[in-house]
Amino acid sequence: MFALSTVTMPAIETTVDALTRAWLRSQVKILAGSTPVSDEYARQIGADGYSKNANEAAGRANRQLTQADH
């Protein structure tokens, strides 16, 4: 999930919380990122990782999926 401004950052945390309340959090991996988001913020809200842009996020997701297949 990516926030385009600090105003939209809380929506990432809201989504993480909603997935947790619905007992779905363990079934998904969440990467948080973009310009206003930091690695520290991603950890604070319970995301599984951080990436600074969509290209980096795609690479991280691909690596995790590849590792999971082995």
N, C-alpha and C. Protein backbone atom coordinates (compact mmCIF):
# COMPACT_ATOMS: atom_id res chain seq x y z
N MET A 1 0.84 -1.16 0.00
CA MET A 1 0.00 0.00 0.00
C MET A 1 0.89 1.23 0.00
N PHE A 2 0.50 2.21 -0.78
CA PHE A 2 1.29 3.42 -0.90
C PHE A 2 0.45 4.64 -0.54
N ALA A 3 1.05 5.55 0.20
CA ALA A 3 0.40 6.80 0.56
C ALA A 3 1.02 7.90 -0.28
N LEU A 4 0.19 8.70 -0.90
CA LEU A 4 0.71 9.78 -1.73
C LEU A 4 0.98 11.05 -0.94
N SER A 5 0.46 11.11 0.28
CA SER A 5 0.72 12.27 1.14
C SER A 5 0.56 11.83 2.59
N THR A 6 0.99 12.68 3.49
CA THR A 6 0.84 12.36 4.92
C THR A 6 -0.62 12.26 5.31
N VAL A 7 -1.50 12.90 4.56
CA VAL A 7 -2.93 12.85 4.84
C VAL A 7 -3.47 11.43 4.62
N THR A 8 -2.93 10.72 3.65
CA THR A 8 -3.44 9.38 3.34
C THR A 8 -2.72 8.26 4.09
N MET A 9 -1.64 8.59 4.79
CA MET A 9 -0.89 7.56 5.52
C MET A 9 -1.74 6.79 6.54
N PRO A 10 -2.62 7.43 7.30
CA PRO A 10 -3.42 6.67 8.27
C PRO A 10 -4.29 5.58 7.65
N ALA A 11 -4.61 5.71 6.37
CA ALA A 11 -5.41 4.67 5.71
C ALA A 11 -4.67 3.35 5.65
N ILE A 12 -3.36 3.38 5.58
CA ILE A 12 -2.59 2.14 5.59
C ILE A 12 -2.77 1.44 6.93
N GLU A 13 -2.61 2.19 8.00
CA GLU A 13 -2.79 1.61 9.34
C GLU A 13 -4.21 1.10 9.53
N THR A 14 -5.19 1.84 9.04
CA THR A 14 -6.59 1.42 9.14
C THR A 14 -6.80 0.09 8.43
N THR A 15 -6.16 -0.08 7.27
CA THR A 15 -6.29 -1.33 6.52
C THR A 15 -5.62 -2.49 7.26
N VAL A 16 -4.43 -2.25 7.81
CA VAL A 16 -3.76 -3.29 8.60
C VAL A 16 -4.64 -3.70 9.77
N ASP A 17 -5.20 -2.72 10.47
CA ASP A 17 -6.08 -3.01 11.61
C ASP A 17 -7.33 -3.79 11.18
N ALA A 18 -7.91 -3.41 10.05
CA ALA A 18 -9.11 -4.11 9.56
C ALA A 18 -8.80 -5.56 9.21
N LEU A 19 -7.66 -5.79 8.59
CA LEU A 19 -7.27 -7.17 8.27
C LEU A 19 -7.05 -7.97 9.55
N THR A 20 -6.47 -7.34 10.56
CA THR A 20 -6.25 -8.02 11.85
C THR A 20 -7.58 -8.36 12.51
N ARG A 21 -8.50 -7.40 12.55
CA ARG A 21 -9.81 -7.64 13.17
C ARG A 21 -10.61 -8.72 12.44
N ALA A 22 -10.39 -8.85 11.14
CA ALA A 22 -11.11 -9.86 10.34
C ALA A 22 -10.39 -11.21 10.34
N TRP A 23 -9.35 -11.33 11.15
CA TRP A 23 -8.56 -12.56 11.24
C TRP A 23 -7.93 -12.95 9.91
N LEU A 24 -7.61 -11.97 9.08
CA LEU A 24 -7.00 -12.22 7.77
C LEU A 24 -5.54 -11.80 7.72
N ARG A 25 -5.07 -11.12 8.75
CA ARG A 25 -3.72 -10.54 8.70
C ARG A 25 -2.64 -11.57 8.44
N SER A 26 -2.78 -12.77 9.00
CA SER A 26 -1.75 -13.80 8.82
C SER A 26 -1.74 -14.37 7.40
N GLN A 27 -2.74 -14.05 6.60
CA GLN A 27 -2.85 -14.60 5.26
C GLN A 27 -2.30 -13.67 4.18
N VAL A 28 -1.89 -12.47 4.56
CA VAL A 28 -1.39 -11.50 3.58
C VAL A 28 -0.08 -10.89 4.05
N LYS A 29 0.72 -10.44 3.10
CA LYS A 29 1.92 -9.67 3.38
C LYS A 29 1.65 -8.24 2.98
N ILE A 30 2.07 -7.31 3.83
CA ILE A 30 1.81 -5.90 3.56
C ILE A 30 3.13 -5.15 3.45
N LEU A 31 3.31 -4.50 2.31
CA LEU A 31 4.43 -3.58 2.12
C LEU A 31 3.85 -2.17 2.11
N ALA A 32 4.42 -1.30 2.89
CA ALA A 32 3.98 0.09 2.94
C ALA A 32 5.09 0.95 2.39
N GLY A 33 4.74 2.03 1.70
CA GLY A 33 5.79 2.87 1.18
C GLY A 33 5.30 4.10 0.46
N SER A 34 6.22 4.74 -0.20
CA SER A 34 6.08 5.97 -0.97
C SER A 34 6.83 7.08 -0.26
N THR A 35 6.77 8.26 -0.81
CA THR A 35 7.56 9.38 -0.31
C THR A 35 7.33 9.71 1.17
N PRO A 36 6.09 9.87 1.64
CA PRO A 36 5.93 10.27 3.03
C PRO A 36 6.12 9.14 4.05
N VAL A 37 6.11 7.90 3.59
CA VAL A 37 6.19 6.75 4.48
C VAL A 37 7.65 6.38 4.72
N SER A 38 7.97 6.03 5.95
CA SER A 38 9.32 5.60 6.28
C SER A 38 9.31 4.13 6.70
N ASP A 39 10.48 3.54 6.74
CA ASP A 39 10.62 2.17 7.22
C ASP A 39 10.13 2.09 8.67
N GLU A 40 10.46 3.08 9.45
CA GLU A 40 10.03 3.11 10.85
C GLU A 40 8.51 3.13 10.96
N TYR A 41 7.86 3.96 10.15
CA TYR A 41 6.40 4.03 10.18
C TYR A 41 5.79 2.68 9.76
N ALA A 42 6.35 2.06 8.73
CA ALA A 42 5.84 0.76 8.28
C ALA A 42 5.91 -0.26 9.41
N ARG A 43 7.03 -0.29 10.12
CA ARG A 43 7.15 -1.22 11.26
C ARG A 43 6.15 -0.87 12.36
N GLN A 44 6.00 0.42 12.63
CA GLN A 44 5.12 0.90 13.70
C GLN A 44 3.67 0.47 13.48
N ILE A 45 3.21 0.47 12.25
CA ILE A 45 1.81 0.11 11.98
C ILE A 45 1.61 -1.38 11.73
N GLY A 46 2.70 -2.15 11.75
CA GLY A 46 2.58 -3.60 11.61
C GLY A 46 2.71 -4.12 10.20
N ALA A 47 3.24 -3.31 9.29
CA ALA A 47 3.48 -3.81 7.92
C ALA A 47 4.63 -4.80 7.94
N ASP A 48 4.68 -5.66 6.95
CA ASP A 48 5.75 -6.65 6.86
C ASP A 48 7.02 -6.09 6.25
N GLY A 49 6.90 -4.95 5.61
CA GLY A 49 8.08 -4.36 4.99
C GLY A 49 7.79 -2.98 4.45
N TYR A 50 8.84 -2.36 3.96
CA TYR A 50 8.78 -1.01 3.44
C TYR A 50 9.47 -0.98 2.08
N SER A 51 8.97 -0.18 1.18
CA SER A 51 9.66 0.11 -0.07
C SER A 51 9.40 1.54 -0.45
N LYS A 52 10.41 2.13 -1.07
CA LYS A 52 10.30 3.56 -1.38
C LYS A 52 9.48 3.84 -2.63
N ASN A 53 9.28 2.81 -3.48
CA ASN A 53 8.49 3.01 -4.70
C ASN A 53 7.89 1.68 -5.15
N ALA A 54 7.00 1.76 -6.13
CA ALA A 54 6.29 0.56 -6.59
C ALA A 54 7.23 -0.46 -7.23
N ASN A 55 8.24 -0.01 -7.93
CA ASN A 55 9.18 -0.92 -8.56
C ASN A 55 9.92 -1.74 -7.50
N GLU A 56 10.37 -1.08 -6.46
CA GLU A 56 11.05 -1.78 -5.37
C GLU A 56 10.10 -2.75 -4.68
N ALA A 57 8.85 -2.33 -4.49
CA ALA A 57 7.85 -3.20 -3.84
C ALA A 57 7.61 -4.45 -4.67
N ALA A 58 7.52 -4.31 -5.98
CA ALA A 58 7.32 -5.46 -6.86
C ALA A 58 8.49 -6.43 -6.75
N GLY A 59 9.70 -5.90 -6.71
CA GLY A 59 10.87 -6.75 -6.57
C GLY A 59 10.88 -7.48 -5.25
N ARG A 60 10.54 -6.79 -4.17
CA ARG A 60 10.49 -7.44 -2.85
C ARG A 60 9.43 -8.54 -2.83
N ALA A 61 8.25 -8.23 -3.38
CA ALA A 61 7.18 -9.22 -3.41
C ALA A 61 7.58 -10.44 -4.23
N ASN A 62 8.21 -10.20 -5.36
CA ASN A 62 8.65 -11.30 -6.21
C ASN A 62 9.67 -12.17 -5.48
N ARG A 63 10.61 -11.55 -4.78
CA ARG A 63 11.62 -12.32 -4.03
C ARG A 63 10.95 -13.15 -2.93
N GLN A 64 9.99 -12.57 -2.22
CA GLN A 64 9.30 -13.32 -1.16
C GLN A 64 8.52 -14.49 -1.73
N LEU A 65 7.87 -14.29 -2.86
CA LEU A 65 7.11 -15.38 -3.48
C LEU A 65 8.04 -16.48 -3.97
N THR A 66 9.17 -16.08 -4.55
CA THR A 66 10.14 -17.06 -5.03
C THR A 66 10.70 -17.87 -3.87
N GLN A 67 11.00 -17.23 -2.76
CA GLN A 67 11.52 -17.93 -1.59
C GLN A 67 10.48 -18.86 -1.00
N ALA A 68 9.22 -18.45 -1.04
CA ALA A 68 8.15 -19.27 -0.50
C ALA A 68 7.93 -20.54 -1.30
N ASP A 69 8.27 -20.50 -2.60
CA ASP A 69 8.09 -21.66 -3.46
C ASP A 69 9.13 -22.74 -3.21
N HIS A 70 10.25 -22.39 -2.58
CA HIS A 70 11.33 -23.35 -2.39
C HIS A 70 11.25 -24.05 -1.07
